[in-house]
N, C-alpha and C. Protein backbone atom coordinates (compact mmCIF):
# COMPACT_ATOMS: atom_id res chain seq x y z
N UNK A 1 -10.05 -5.27 -38.49
CA UNK A 1 -10.26 -3.90 -38.45
C UNK A 1 -11.34 -3.27 -39.28
N UNK A 2 -12.01 -2.16 -38.52
CA UNK A 2 -13.38 -1.92 -39.34
C UNK A 2 -13.03 -0.47 -40.11
N UNK A 3 -13.86 -0.04 -40.78
CA UNK A 3 -13.69 1.04 -41.76
C UNK A 3 -14.58 2.21 -41.15
N UNK A 4 -14.42 3.26 -41.78
CA UNK A 4 -15.18 4.34 -41.33
C UNK A 4 -16.62 4.09 -41.39
N UNK A 5 -17.01 3.65 -42.51
CA UNK A 5 -18.40 3.29 -42.92
C UNK A 5 -18.89 2.33 -42.04
N UNK A 6 -18.29 1.45 -41.47
CA UNK A 6 -18.88 0.47 -40.58
C UNK A 6 -19.02 1.24 -39.18
N UNK A 7 -18.23 1.93 -38.93
CA UNK A 7 -17.96 2.60 -37.30
C UNK A 7 -19.21 3.72 -37.59
N UNK A 8 -19.69 4.24 -38.49
CA UNK A 8 -20.63 5.05 -38.84
C UNK A 8 -22.27 4.19 -38.58
N UNK A 9 -22.11 3.09 -39.24
CA UNK A 9 -23.39 2.39 -39.01
C UNK A 9 -23.47 1.76 -37.70
N UNK A 10 -22.33 1.42 -37.02
CA UNK A 10 -22.44 0.79 -35.51
C UNK A 10 -22.57 1.96 -34.63
N UNK A 11 -22.35 3.10 -34.75
CA UNK A 11 -22.85 4.30 -33.96
C UNK A 11 -24.57 4.37 -34.26
N UNK A 12 -24.90 4.74 -35.62
CA UNK A 12 -26.34 4.62 -35.68
C UNK A 12 -26.99 3.56 -35.06
N UNK A 13 -26.68 2.21 -35.13
CA UNK A 13 -27.10 1.19 -34.61
C UNK A 13 -27.39 1.44 -33.00
N UNK A 14 -26.16 1.95 -32.30
CA UNK A 14 -26.38 2.12 -31.03
C UNK A 14 -27.18 3.23 -30.55
N UNK A 15 -27.34 4.42 -31.40
CA UNK A 15 -28.25 5.45 -31.19
C UNK A 15 -29.59 5.13 -31.30
N UNK A 16 -30.04 3.94 -32.16
CA UNK A 16 -31.35 3.63 -32.21
C UNK A 16 -31.62 2.80 -31.03
N UNK A 17 -30.66 1.92 -30.77
CA UNK A 17 -31.08 1.06 -29.66
C UNK A 17 -30.88 1.63 -28.19
N UNK A 18 -30.73 2.83 -27.91
CA UNK A 18 -30.33 3.73 -26.85
C UNK A 18 -32.00 3.67 -26.11
N UNK A 19 -31.90 3.30 -24.94
CA UNK A 19 -32.94 3.45 -24.14
C UNK A 19 -32.79 4.65 -23.14
N UNK A 20 -33.64 5.83 -23.35
CA UNK A 20 -33.87 6.99 -22.79
C UNK A 20 -33.89 6.84 -21.36
N UNK A 21 -34.94 6.04 -20.93
CA UNK A 21 -35.04 6.03 -19.45
C UNK A 21 -33.79 5.34 -18.87
N UNK A 22 -33.04 4.35 -19.33
CA UNK A 22 -31.84 3.93 -18.66
C UNK A 22 -30.73 5.01 -18.64
N UNK A 23 -30.60 5.77 -19.79
CA UNK A 23 -29.71 6.74 -19.84
C UNK A 23 -29.92 7.70 -18.73
N UNK A 24 -31.01 8.15 -18.45
CA UNK A 24 -31.49 9.22 -17.43
C UNK A 24 -31.12 8.76 -15.99
N UNK A 25 -31.38 7.24 -15.88
CA UNK A 25 -31.17 6.56 -14.56
C UNK A 25 -29.78 6.71 -14.25
N UNK A 26 -28.93 6.62 -15.28
CA UNK A 26 -27.28 6.39 -15.20
C UNK A 26 -26.77 8.08 -14.92
N UNK A 27 -27.66 8.97 -15.23
CA UNK A 27 -27.20 10.18 -15.25
C UNK A 27 -27.40 11.06 -13.82
N UNK A 28 -28.17 10.05 -13.02
CA UNK A 28 -29.08 10.67 -11.93
C UNK A 28 -27.80 11.39 -10.82
N UNK A 29 -28.06 12.65 -10.54
CA UNK A 29 -26.87 13.15 -9.46
C UNK A 29 -26.82 12.43 -8.10
N UNK A 30 -27.98 11.80 -7.76
CA UNK A 30 -27.50 11.31 -6.48
C UNK A 30 -27.46 9.75 -6.54
N UNK A 31 -26.70 9.30 -7.51
CA UNK A 31 -26.39 7.91 -7.79
C UNK A 31 -25.17 7.72 -6.92
N UNK A 32 -25.14 6.56 -6.39
CA UNK A 32 -24.36 6.12 -5.36
C UNK A 32 -23.08 5.56 -6.20
N UNK A 33 -21.81 5.93 -5.83
CA UNK A 33 -20.62 5.68 -6.34
C UNK A 33 -19.88 4.96 -5.26
N UNK A 34 -19.03 3.94 -5.55
CA UNK A 34 -18.19 3.08 -4.53
C UNK A 34 -16.99 4.22 -4.34
N UNK A 35 -16.34 3.94 -3.28
CA UNK A 35 -15.31 4.77 -3.09
C UNK A 35 -14.02 4.25 -3.73
N UNK A 36 -13.19 4.99 -4.15
CA UNK A 36 -11.96 4.47 -4.90
C UNK A 36 -10.93 3.73 -3.90
N UNK A 37 -10.65 2.51 -4.90
CA UNK A 37 -9.84 1.78 -3.84
C UNK A 37 -8.57 2.31 -3.58
N UNK A 38 -7.89 1.77 -2.50
CA UNK A 38 -6.57 2.15 -1.95
C UNK A 38 -5.75 1.56 -2.87
N UNK A 39 -4.26 2.31 -3.15
CA UNK A 39 -3.33 1.73 -3.93
C UNK A 39 -2.35 1.35 -2.94
N UNK A 40 -1.73 0.01 -3.41
CA UNK A 40 -0.66 -0.41 -2.71
C UNK A 40 0.81 0.48 -3.04
N UNK A 41 1.55 0.39 -1.89
CA UNK A 41 2.80 1.24 -2.21
C UNK A 41 3.35 1.15 -3.30
N UNK A 42 3.48 -0.08 -4.17
CA UNK A 42 3.99 -0.39 -5.41
C UNK A 42 3.16 0.38 -6.68
N UNK A 43 1.99 0.36 -6.51
CA UNK A 43 1.04 1.26 -7.32
C UNK A 43 1.04 2.71 -7.60
N UNK A 44 1.48 3.42 -6.02
CA UNK A 44 1.40 4.60 -5.75
C UNK A 44 2.67 5.25 -6.40
N UNK A 45 2.80 5.45 -7.63
CA UNK A 45 3.88 5.80 -8.54
C UNK A 45 3.76 6.97 -9.12
N UNK A 46 4.39 7.89 -9.17
CA UNK A 46 4.26 9.17 -9.90
C UNK A 46 4.71 9.06 -11.42
N UNK A 47 3.92 9.73 -12.24
CA UNK A 47 3.73 9.63 -13.78
C UNK A 47 5.05 9.89 -14.30
N UNK A 48 5.77 11.12 -13.52
CA UNK A 48 7.31 11.49 -14.03
C UNK A 48 8.34 11.20 -12.74
N UNK A 49 9.08 10.61 -12.75
CA UNK A 49 9.83 10.39 -11.74
C UNK A 49 10.66 11.99 -11.31
N UNK A 50 10.61 12.13 -9.99
CA UNK A 50 10.88 13.49 -9.54
C UNK A 50 12.48 13.91 -9.98
N UNK A 51 13.37 12.91 -9.92
CA UNK A 51 14.89 13.42 -10.34
C UNK A 51 14.92 13.70 -11.79
N UNK A 52 13.78 13.31 -12.61
CA UNK A 52 13.72 13.61 -13.94
C UNK A 52 12.96 14.84 -14.29
N UNK A 53 12.63 15.54 -13.27
CA UNK A 53 11.47 16.52 -13.74
C UNK A 53 12.62 17.87 -14.16
N UNK A 54 12.02 18.80 -14.70
CA UNK A 54 12.95 19.98 -15.25
C UNK A 54 12.19 21.19 -14.83
N UNK A 55 10.68 21.03 -14.12
CA UNK A 55 9.85 22.25 -13.96
C UNK A 55 10.41 22.64 -12.38
N UNK A 56 11.30 22.17 -11.71
CA UNK A 56 11.48 22.65 -10.39
C UNK A 56 12.29 23.58 -10.37
């Protein structure tokens, strides 16, 4: 487990090693994104079961 001091130095290292051109390329608006995958019937579950909801 790391301490706060290690986290700070890790963040500093990452910032120093960041490639501005790569970041800009990744943030382009016209970047192609794959369509989301369809979920199986088992995967299509509600976060809260309808019969337990109290807001209806």
